[in-house]
Amino acid sequence: MNKAVLPTLLGAFTSLLAIWALHTFLMVNDCINQGGEFEYATAKCLLKDGQLYDSGIAEYVLALYFVVGFGVSFFVSKLLRKWLNIPR
């Protein structure tokens, strides 16, 4: 594997982990706090009475995922390149 590709791949993987953690924090915890159960297959929150819960922040969260994904990927990639002394 090319040594210069490693920081980019690790940055992308780290950004996926950050987005997953952010999703759990924002969407799943909000659903559970409302007394519901989050269904991962449909990405919906089902309340105890059978109704779907919509927090209204899904559009904003999607934009936040985009920003966080690029930011974390860029930061981790730059940091690894600096630590490993890999030229661009």
PDB file of N, CA and C in Angstrom:
ATOM      1  N   MET A   1       0.851  -1.181   0.000  1.00  0.00           N
ATOM      2  CA  MET A   1       0.000   0.000   0.000  1.00  0.00           C
ATOM      3  C   MET A   1       0.889   1.234   0.000  1.00  0.00           C
ATOM      4  N   ASN A   2       0.484   2.212  -0.760  1.00  0.00           N
ATOM      5  CA  ASN A   2       1.213   3.464  -0.823  1.00  0.00           C
ATOM      6  C   ASN A   2       1.133   4.159   0.537  1.00  0.00           C
ATOM      7  N   LYS A   3       2.298   4.589   1.043  1.00  0.00           N
ATOM      8  CA  LYS A   3       2.363   5.184   2.370  1.00  0.00           C
ATOM      9  C   LYS A   3       1.593   6.508   2.447  1.00  0.00           C
ATOM     10  N   ALA A   4       1.469   7.210   1.346  1.00  0.00           N
ATOM     11  CA  ALA A   4       0.786   8.503   1.340  1.00  0.00           C
ATOM     12  C   ALA A   4      -0.737   8.360   1.420  1.00  0.00           C
ATOM     13  N   VAL A   5      -1.275   7.189   1.113  1.00  0.00           N
ATOM     14  CA  VAL A   5      -2.724   6.982   1.126  1.00  0.00           C
ATOM     15  C   VAL A   5      -3.235   6.658   2.533  1.00  0.00           C
ATOM     16  N   LEU A   6      -2.383   6.142   3.384  1.00  0.00           N
ATOM     17  CA  LEU A   6      -2.784   5.700   4.718  1.00  0.00           C
ATOM     18  C   LEU A   6      -3.446   6.806   5.554  1.00  0.00           C
ATOM     19  N   PRO A   7      -2.885   8.016   5.642  1.00  0.00           N
ATOM     20  CA  PRO A   7      -3.564   9.055   6.440  1.00  0.00           C
ATOM     21  C   PRO A   7      -4.953   9.411   5.912  1.00  0.00           C
ATOM     22  N   THR A   8      -5.128   9.414   4.605  1.00  0.00           N
ATOM     23  CA  THR A   8      -6.436   9.734   4.034  1.00  0.00           C
ATOM     24  C   THR A   8      -7.459   8.665   4.395  1.00  0.00           C
ATOM     25  N   LEU A   9      -7.062   7.402   4.288  1.00  0.00           N
ATOM     26  CA  LEU A   9      -7.977   6.310   4.632  1.00  0.00           C
ATOM     27  C   LEU A   9      -8.322   6.307   6.118  1.00  0.00           C
ATOM     28  N   LEU A  10      -7.333   6.523   6.959  1.00  0.00           N
ATOM     29  CA  LEU A  10      -7.600   6.565   8.399  1.00  0.00           C
ATOM     30  C   LEU A  10      -8.449   7.783   8.766  1.00  0.00           C
ATOM     31  N   GLY A  11      -8.255   8.898   8.057  1.00  0.00           N
ATOM     32  CA  GLY A  11      -9.087  10.071   8.287  1.00  0.00           C
ATOM     33  C   GLY A  11     -10.536   9.813   7.919  1.00  0.00           C
ATOM     34  N   ALA A  12     -10.752   9.135   6.793  1.00  0.00           N
ATOM     35  CA  ALA A  12     -12.116   8.815   6.369  1.00  0.00           C
ATOM     36  C   ALA A  12     -12.777   7.841   7.350  1.00  0.00           C
ATOM     37  N   PHE A  13     -12.042   6.833   7.798  1.00  0.00           N
ATOM     38  CA  PHE A  13     -12.586   5.872   8.758  1.00  0.00           C
ATOM     39  C   PHE A  13     -12.930   6.557  10.084  1.00  0.00           C
ATOM     40  N   THR A  14     -12.049   7.443  10.531  1.00  0.00           N
ATOM     41  CA  THR A  14     -12.295   8.171  11.780  1.00  0.00           C
ATOM     42  C   THR A  14     -13.519   9.067  11.662  1.00  0.00           C
ATOM     43  N   SER A  15     -13.705   9.669  10.487  1.00  0.00           N
ATOM     44  CA  SER A  15     -14.885  10.522  10.310  1.00  0.00           C
ATOM     45  C   SER A  15     -16.170   9.700  10.346  1.00  0.00           C
ATOM     46  N   LEU A  16     -16.127   8.482   9.824  1.00  0.00           N
ATOM     47  CA  LEU A  16     -17.306   7.607   9.919  1.00  0.00           C
ATOM     48  C   LEU A  16     -17.629   7.272  11.367  1.00  0.00           C
ATOM     49  N   LEU A  17     -16.603   7.008  12.163  1.00  0.00           N
ATOM     50  CA  LEU A  17     -16.828   6.738  13.590  1.00  0.00           C
ATOM     51  C   LEU A  17     -17.392   7.967  14.303  1.00  0.00           C
ATOM     52  N   ALA A  18     -16.893   9.153  13.948  1.00  0.00           N
ATOM     53  CA  ALA A  18     -17.390  10.378  14.574  1.00  0.00           C
ATOM     54  C   ALA A  18     -18.845  10.627  14.200  1.00  0.00           C
ATOM     55  N   ILE A  19     -19.194  10.393  12.942  1.00  0.00           N
ATOM     56  CA  ILE A  19     -20.588  10.575  12.509  1.00  0.00           C
ATOM     57  C   ILE A  19     -21.499   9.569  13.195  1.00  0.00           C
ATOM     58  N   TRP A  20     -21.055   8.336  13.343  1.00  0.00           N
ATOM     59  CA  TRP A  20     -21.847   7.316  14.034  1.00  0.00           C
ATOM     60  C   TRP A  20     -22.091   7.710  15.493  1.00  0.00           C
ATOM     61  N   ALA A  21     -21.048   8.204  16.164  1.00  0.00           N
ATOM     62  CA  ALA A  21     -21.199   8.624  17.557  1.00  0.00           C
ATOM     63  C   ALA A  21     -22.130   9.832  17.662  1.00  0.00           C
ATOM     64  N   LEU A  22     -22.006  10.766  16.735  1.00  0.00           N
ATOM     65  CA  LEU A  22     -22.868  11.942  16.724  1.00  0.00           C
ATOM     66  C   LEU A  22     -24.324  11.560  16.464  1.00  0.00           C
ATOM     67  N   HIS A  23     -24.535  10.621  15.559  1.00  0.00           N
ATOM     68  CA  HIS A  23     -25.888  10.149  15.268  1.00  0.00           C
ATOM     69  C   HIS A  23     -26.513   9.504  16.504  1.00  0.00           C
ATOM     70  N   THR A  24     -25.740   8.689  17.181  1.00  0.00           N
ATOM     71  CA  THR A  24     -26.239   8.044  18.395  1.00  0.00           C
ATOM     72  C   THR A  24     -26.594   9.100  19.438  1.00  0.00           C
ATOM     73  N   PHE A  25     -25.740  10.083  19.578  1.00  0.00           N
ATOM     74  CA  PHE A  25     -25.975  11.118  20.584  1.00  0.00           C
ATOM     75  C   PHE A  25     -27.205  11.961  20.259  1.00  0.00           C
ATOM     76  N   LEU A  26     -27.361  12.362  19.011  1.00  0.00           N
ATOM     77  CA  LEU A  26     -28.444  13.284  18.649  1.00  0.00           C
ATOM     78  C   LEU A  26     -29.777  12.591  18.407  1.00  0.00           C
ATOM     79  N   MET A  27     -29.789  11.578  17.574  1.00  0.00           N
ATOM     80  CA  MET A  27     -31.053  10.984  17.131  1.00  0.00           C
ATOM     81  C   MET A  27     -31.550   9.874  18.065  1.00  0.00           C
ATOM     82  N   VAL A  28     -30.694   8.942  18.375  1.00  0.00           N
ATOM     83  CA  VAL A  28     -31.121   7.785  19.161  1.00  0.00           C
ATOM     84  C   VAL A  28     -31.435   8.182  20.596  1.00  0.00           C
ATOM     85  N   ASN A  29     -30.573   8.990  21.207  1.00  0.00           N
ATOM     86  CA  ASN A  29     -30.839   9.409  22.582  1.00  0.00           C
ATOM     87  C   ASN A  29     -32.099  10.259  22.684  1.00  0.00           C
ATOM     88  N   ASP A  30     -32.356  11.107  21.686  1.00  0.00           N
ATOM     89  CA  ASP A  30     -33.571  11.913  21.674  1.00  0.00           C
ATOM     90  C   ASP A  30     -34.803  11.015  21.616  1.00  0.00           C
ATOM     91  N   CYS A  31     -34.728   9.976  20.820  1.00  0.00           N
ATOM     92  CA  CYS A  31     -35.838   9.028  20.705  1.00  0.00           C
ATOM     93  C   CYS A  31     -36.085   8.317  22.039  1.00  0.00           C
ATOM     94  N   ILE A  32     -35.028   7.854  22.656  1.00  0.00           N
ATOM     95  CA  ILE A  32     -35.156   7.123  23.920  1.00  0.00           C
ATOM     96  C   ILE A  32     -35.668   8.053  25.021  1.00  0.00           C
ATOM     97  N   ASN A  33     -35.222   9.305  25.009  1.00  0.00           N
ATOM     98  CA  ASN A  33     -35.701  10.272  26.003  1.00  0.00           C
ATOM     99  C   ASN A  33     -37.190  10.557  25.861  1.00  0.00           C
ATOM    100  N   GLN A  34     -37.726  10.402  24.669  1.00  0.00           N
ATOM    101  CA  GLN A  34     -39.161  10.598  24.440  1.00  0.00           C
ATOM    102  C   GLN A  34     -39.969   9.346  24.786  1.00  0.00           C
ATOM    103  N   GLY A  35     -39.303   8.303  25.233  1.00  0.00           N
ATOM    104  CA  GLY A  35     -39.991   7.076  25.611  1.00  0.00           C
ATOM    105  C   GLY A  35     -40.198   6.131  24.444  1.00  0.00           C
ATOM    106  N   GLY A  36     -39.443   6.336  23.387  1.00  0.00           N
ATOM    107  CA  GLY A  36     -39.599   5.498  22.207  1.00  0.00           C
ATOM    108  C   GLY A  36     -38.484   4.479  22.057  1.00  0.00           C
ATOM    109  N   GLU A  37     -38.547   3.800  20.935  1.00  0.00           N
ATOM    110  CA  GLU A  37     -37.537   2.796  20.594  1.00  0.00           C
ATOM    111  C   GLU A  37     -37.076   3.085  19.172  1.00  0.00           C
ATOM    112  N   PHE A  38     -35.774   3.229  19.001  1.00  0.00           N
ATOM    113  CA  PHE A  38     -35.232   3.571  17.681  1.00  0.00           C
ATOM    114  C   PHE A  38     -35.054   2.291  16.874  1.00  0.00           C
ATOM    115  N   GLU A  39     -35.651   2.271  15.696  1.00  0.00           N
ATOM    116  CA  GLU A  39     -35.527   1.122  14.797  1.00  0.00           C
ATOM    117  C   GLU A  39     -34.460   1.448  13.755  1.00  0.00           C
ATOM    118  N   TYR A  40     -33.350   0.743  13.843  1.00  0.00           N
ATOM    119  CA  TYR A  40     -32.227   1.024  12.952  1.00  0.00           C
ATOM    120  C   TYR A  40     -32.517   0.623  11.510  1.00  0.00           C
ATOM    121  N   ALA A  41     -33.355  -0.353  11.299  1.00  0.00           N
ATOM    122  CA  ALA A  41     -33.653  -0.806   9.936  1.00  0.00           C
ATOM    123  C   ALA A  41     -34.364   0.272   9.129  1.00  0.00           C
ATOM    124  N   THR A  42     -35.238   1.033   9.792  1.00  0.00           N
ATOM    125  CA  THR A  42     -35.985   2.082   9.095  1.00  0.00           C
ATOM    126  C   THR A  42     -35.517   3.477   9.473  1.00  0.00           C
ATOM    127  N   ALA A  43     -34.628   3.583  10.451  1.00  0.00           N
ATOM    128  CA  ALA A  43     -34.124   4.865  10.963  1.00  0.00           C
ATOM    129  C   ALA A  43     -35.269   5.742  11.468  1.00  0.00           C
ATOM    130  N   LYS A  44     -36.225   5.116  12.117  1.00  0.00           N
ATOM    131  CA  LYS A  44     -37.383   5.829  12.663  1.00  0.00           C
ATOM    132  C   LYS A  44     -37.492   5.570  14.161  1.00  0.00           C
ATOM    133  N   CYS A  45     -38.120   6.503  14.837  1.00  0.00           N
ATOM    134  CA  CYS A  45     -38.376   6.370  16.269  1.00  0.00           C
ATOM    135  C   CYS A  45     -39.833   5.982  16.462  1.00  0.00           C
ATOM    136  N   LEU A  46     -40.055   4.860  17.069  1.00  0.00           N
ATOM    137  CA  LEU A  46     -41.398   4.360  17.306  1.00  0.00           C
ATOM    138  C   LEU A  46     -41.724   4.528  18.790  1.00  0.00           C
ATOM    139  N   LEU A  47     -42.746   5.336  19.057  1.00  0.00           N
ATOM    140  CA  LEU A  47     -43.165   5.561  20.437  1.00  0.00           C
ATOM    141  C   LEU A  47     -43.956   4.365  20.954  1.00  0.00           C
ATOM    142  N   LYS A  48     -44.165   4.315  22.261  1.00  0.00           N
ATOM    143  CA  LYS A  48     -44.858   3.178  22.870  1.00  0.00           C
ATOM    144  C   LYS A  48     -46.287   3.020  22.380  1.00  0.00           C
ATOM    145  N   ASP A  49     -46.917   4.135  21.991  1.00  0.00           N
ATOM    146  CA  ASP A  49     -48.302   4.048  21.519  1.00  0.00           C
ATOM    147  C   ASP A  49     -48.389   3.715  20.030  1.00  0.00           C
ATOM    148  N   GLY A  50     -47.253   3.444  19.390  1.00  0.00           N
ATOM    149  CA  GLY A  50     -47.243   3.035  17.993  1.00  0.00           C
ATOM    150  C   GLY A  50     -47.056   4.161  16.999  1.00  0.00           C
ATOM    151  N   GLN A  51     -46.996   5.385  17.463  1.00  0.00           N
ATOM    152  CA  GLN A  51     -46.811   6.518  16.558  1.00  0.00           C
ATOM    153  C   GLN A  51     -45.321   6.752  16.297  1.00  0.00           C
ATOM    154  N   LEU A  52     -45.035   7.345  15.126  1.00  0.00           N
ATOM    155  CA  LEU A  52     -43.664   7.703  14.793  1.00  0.00           C
ATOM    156  C   LEU A  52     -43.340   9.064  15.378  1.00  0.00           C
ATOM    157  N   TYR A  53     -42.178   9.170  15.978  1.00  0.00           N
ATOM    158  CA  TYR A  53     -41.726  10.428  16.553  1.00  0.00           C
ATOM    159  C   TYR A  53     -40.777  11.099  15.567  1.00  0.00           C
ATOM    160  N   ASP A  54     -41.048  12.366  15.254  1.00  0.00           N
ATOM    161  CA  ASP A  54     -40.187  13.145  14.374  1.00  0.00           C
ATOM    162  C   ASP A  54     -39.703  14.350  15.163  1.00  0.00           C
ATOM    163  N   SER A  55     -38.402  14.395  15.419  1.00  0.00           N
ATOM    164  CA  SER A  55     -37.856  15.478  16.238  1.00  0.00           C
ATOM    165  C   SER A  55     -37.764  16.789  15.488  1.00  0.00           C
ATOM    166  N   GLY A  56     -37.797  16.746  14.159  1.00  0.00           N
ATOM    167  CA  GLY A  56     -37.725  17.962  13.366  1.00  0.00           C
ATOM    168  C   GLY A  56     -36.316  18.483  13.138  1.00  0.00           C
ATOM    169  N   ILE A  57     -35.319  17.750  13.587  1.00  0.00           N
ATOM    170  CA  ILE A  57     -33.942  18.208  13.403  1.00  0.00           C
ATOM    171  C   ILE A  57     -33.183  17.374  12.376  1.00  0.00           C
ATOM    172  N   ALA A  58     -33.861  16.494  11.675  1.00  0.00           N
ATOM    173  CA  ALA A  58     -33.183  15.582  10.756  1.00  0.00           C
ATOM    174  C   ALA A  58     -32.437  16.321   9.655  1.00  0.00           C
ATOM    175  N   GLU A  59     -33.019  17.380   9.105  1.00  0.00           N
ATOM    176  CA  GLU A  59     -32.365  18.130   8.030  1.00  0.00           C
ATOM    177  C   GLU A  59     -31.112  18.830   8.539  1.00  0.00           C
ATOM    178  N   TYR A  60     -31.187  19.387   9.734  1.00  0.00           N
ATOM    179  CA  TYR A  60     -30.038  20.072  10.316  1.00  0.00           C
ATOM    180  C   TYR A  60     -28.936  19.087  10.682  1.00  0.00           C
ATOM    181  N   VAL A  61     -29.337  17.937  11.162  1.00  0.00           N
ATOM    182  CA  VAL A  61     -28.364  16.915  11.545  1.00  0.00           C
ATOM    183  C   VAL A  61     -27.627  16.398  10.318  1.00  0.00           C
ATOM    184  N   LEU A  62     -28.317  16.263   9.209  1.00  0.00           N
ATOM    185  CA  LEU A  62     -27.675  15.813   7.976  1.00  0.00           C
ATOM    186  C   LEU A  62     -26.588  16.795   7.545  1.00  0.00           C
ATOM    187  N   ALA A  63     -26.871  18.079   7.631  1.00  0.00           N
ATOM    188  CA  ALA A  63     -25.860  19.088   7.304  1.00  0.00           C
ATOM    189  C   ALA A  63     -24.700  19.040   8.295  1.00  0.00           C
ATOM    190  N   LEU A  64     -25.011  18.786   9.556  1.00  0.00           N
ATOM    191  CA  LEU A  64     -23.967  18.671  10.575  1.00  0.00           C
ATOM    192  C   LEU A  64     -23.072  17.463  10.309  1.00  0.00           C
ATOM    193  N   TYR A  65     -23.661  16.344   9.883  1.00  0.00           N
ATOM    194  CA  TYR A  65     -22.858  15.169   9.537  1.00  0.00           C
ATOM    195  C   TYR A  65     -21.868  15.495   8.427  1.00  0.00           C
ATOM    196  N   PHE A  66     -22.332  16.240   7.436  1.00  0.00           N
ATOM    197  CA  PHE A  66     -21.483  16.617   6.310  1.00  0.00           C
ATOM    198  C   PHE A  66     -20.280  17.430   6.794  1.00  0.00           C
ATOM    199  N   VAL A  67     -20.538  18.445   7.614  1.00  0.00           N
ATOM    200  CA  VAL A  67     -19.473  19.312   8.110  1.00  0.00           C
ATOM    201  C   VAL A  67     -18.520  18.540   9.023  1.00  0.00           C
ATOM    202  N   VAL A  68     -19.067  17.755   9.929  1.00  0.00           N
ATOM    203  CA  VAL A  68     -18.237  16.986  10.855  1.00  0.00           C
ATOM    204  C   VAL A  68     -17.416  15.949  10.098  1.00  0.00           C
ATOM    205  N   GLY A  69     -18.010  15.289   9.119  1.00  0.00           N
ATOM    206  CA  GLY A  69     -17.288  14.279   8.346  1.00  0.00           C
ATOM    207  C   GLY A  69     -16.077  14.852   7.643  1.00  0.00           C
ATOM    208  N   PHE A  70     -16.267  15.957   6.939  1.00  0.00           N
ATOM    209  CA  PHE A  70     -15.131  16.579   6.257  1.00  0.00           C
ATOM    210  C   PHE A  70     -14.110  17.129   7.242  1.00  0.00           C
ATOM    211  N   GLY A  71     -14.581  17.755   8.303  1.00  0.00           N
ATOM    212  CA  GLY A  71     -13.662  18.338   9.283  1.00  0.00           C
ATOM    213  C   GLY A  71     -12.800  17.312   9.975  1.00  0.00           C
ATOM    214  N   VAL A  72     -13.411  16.251  10.452  1.00  0.00           N
ATOM    215  CA  VAL A  72     -12.659  15.204  11.148  1.00  0.00           C
ATOM    216  C   VAL A  72     -11.705  14.506  10.187  1.00  0.00           C
ATOM    217  N   SER A  73     -12.156  14.199   8.990  1.00  0.00           N
ATOM    218  CA  SER A  73     -11.305  13.539   8.015  1.00  0.00           C
ATOM    219  C   SER A  73     -10.093  14.400   7.680  1.00  0.00           C
ATOM    220  N   PHE A  74     -10.301  15.677   7.451  1.00  0.00           N
ATOM    221  CA  PHE A  74      -9.209  16.580   7.121  1.00  0.00           C
ATOM    222  C   PHE A  74      -8.234  16.700   8.285  1.00  0.00           C
ATOM    223  N   PHE A  75      -8.761  16.900   9.502  1.00  0.00           N
ATOM    224  CA  PHE A  75      -7.913  17.071  10.682  1.00  0.00           C
ATOM    225  C   PHE A  75      -7.064  15.825  10.956  1.00  0.00           C
ATOM    226  N   VAL A  76      -7.682  14.657  10.933  1.00  0.00           N
ATOM    227  CA  VAL A  76      -6.956  13.413  11.211  1.00  0.00           C
ATOM    228  C   VAL A  76      -5.906  13.156  10.138  1.00  0.00           C
ATOM    229  N   SER A  77      -6.253  13.384   8.890  1.00  0.00           N
ATOM    230  CA  SER A  77      -5.303  13.179   7.800  1.00  0.00           C
ATOM    231  C   SER A  77      -4.095  14.098   7.943  1.00  0.00           C
ATOM    232  N   LYS A  78      -4.335  15.377   8.214  1.00  0.00           N
ATOM    233  CA  LYS A  78      -3.227  16.326   8.393  1.00  0.00           C
ATOM    234  C   LYS A  78      -2.365  15.964   9.594  1.00  0.00           C
ATOM    235  N   LEU A  79      -3.017  15.572  10.676  1.00  0.00           N
ATOM    236  CA  LEU A  79      -2.287  15.212  11.888  1.00  0.00           C
ATOM    237  C   LEU A  79      -1.410  13.989  11.662  1.00  0.00           C
ATOM    238  N   LEU A  80      -1.946  12.967  10.997  1.00  0.00           N
ATOM    239  CA  LEU A  80      -1.151  11.764  10.723  1.00  0.00           C
ATOM    240  C   LEU A  80       0.005  12.049   9.768  1.00  0.00           C
ATOM    241  N   ARG A  81      -0.233  12.886   8.773  1.00  0.00           N
ATOM    242  CA  ARG A  81       0.859  13.255   7.857  1.00  0.00           C
ATOM    243  C   ARG A  81       1.985  13.965   8.603  1.00  0.00           C
ATOM    244  N   LYS A  82       1.620  14.805   9.564  1.00  0.00           N
ATOM    245  CA  LYS A  82       2.629  15.520  10.340  1.00  0.00           C
ATOM    246  C   LYS A  82       3.387  14.563  11.261  1.00  0.00           C
ATOM    247  N   TRP A  83       2.664  13.678  11.948  1.00  0.00           N
ATOM    248  CA  TRP A  83       3.306  12.741  12.871  1.00  0.00           C
ATOM    249  C   TRP A  83       4.196  11.734  12.148  1.00  0.00           C
ATOM    250  N   LEU A  84       3.766  11.285  10.985  1.00  0.00           N
ATOM    251  CA  LEU A  84       4.514  10.268  10.242  1.00  0.00           C
ATOM    252  C   LEU A  84       5.495  10.867   9.234  1.00  0.00           C
ATOM    253  N   ASN A  85       5.571  12.179   9.162  1.00  0.00           N
ATOM    254  CA  ASN A  85       6.445  12.885   8.233  1.00  0.00           C
ATOM    255  C   ASN A  85       6.262  12.413   6.789  1.00  0.00           C
ATOM    256  N   ILE A  86       5.022  12.396   6.370  1.00  0.00           N
ATOM    257  CA  ILE A  86       4.689  11.995   5.001  1.00  0.00           C
ATOM    258  C   ILE A  86       4.441  13.259   4.184  1.00  0.00           C
ATOM    259  N   PRO A  87       5.219  13.469   3.115  1.00  0.00           N
ATOM    260  CA  PRO A  87       4.973  14.652   2.294  1.00  0.00           C
ATOM    261  C   PRO A  87       3.690  14.522   1.501  1.00  0.00           C
ATOM    262  N   ARG A  88       3.119  15.626   1.148  1.00  0.00           N
ATOM    263  CA  ARG A  88       1.862  15.636   0.404  1.00  0.00           C
ATOM    264  C   ARG A  88       2.087  15.256  -1.021  1.00  0.00           C
TER     265      ARG A  88
END
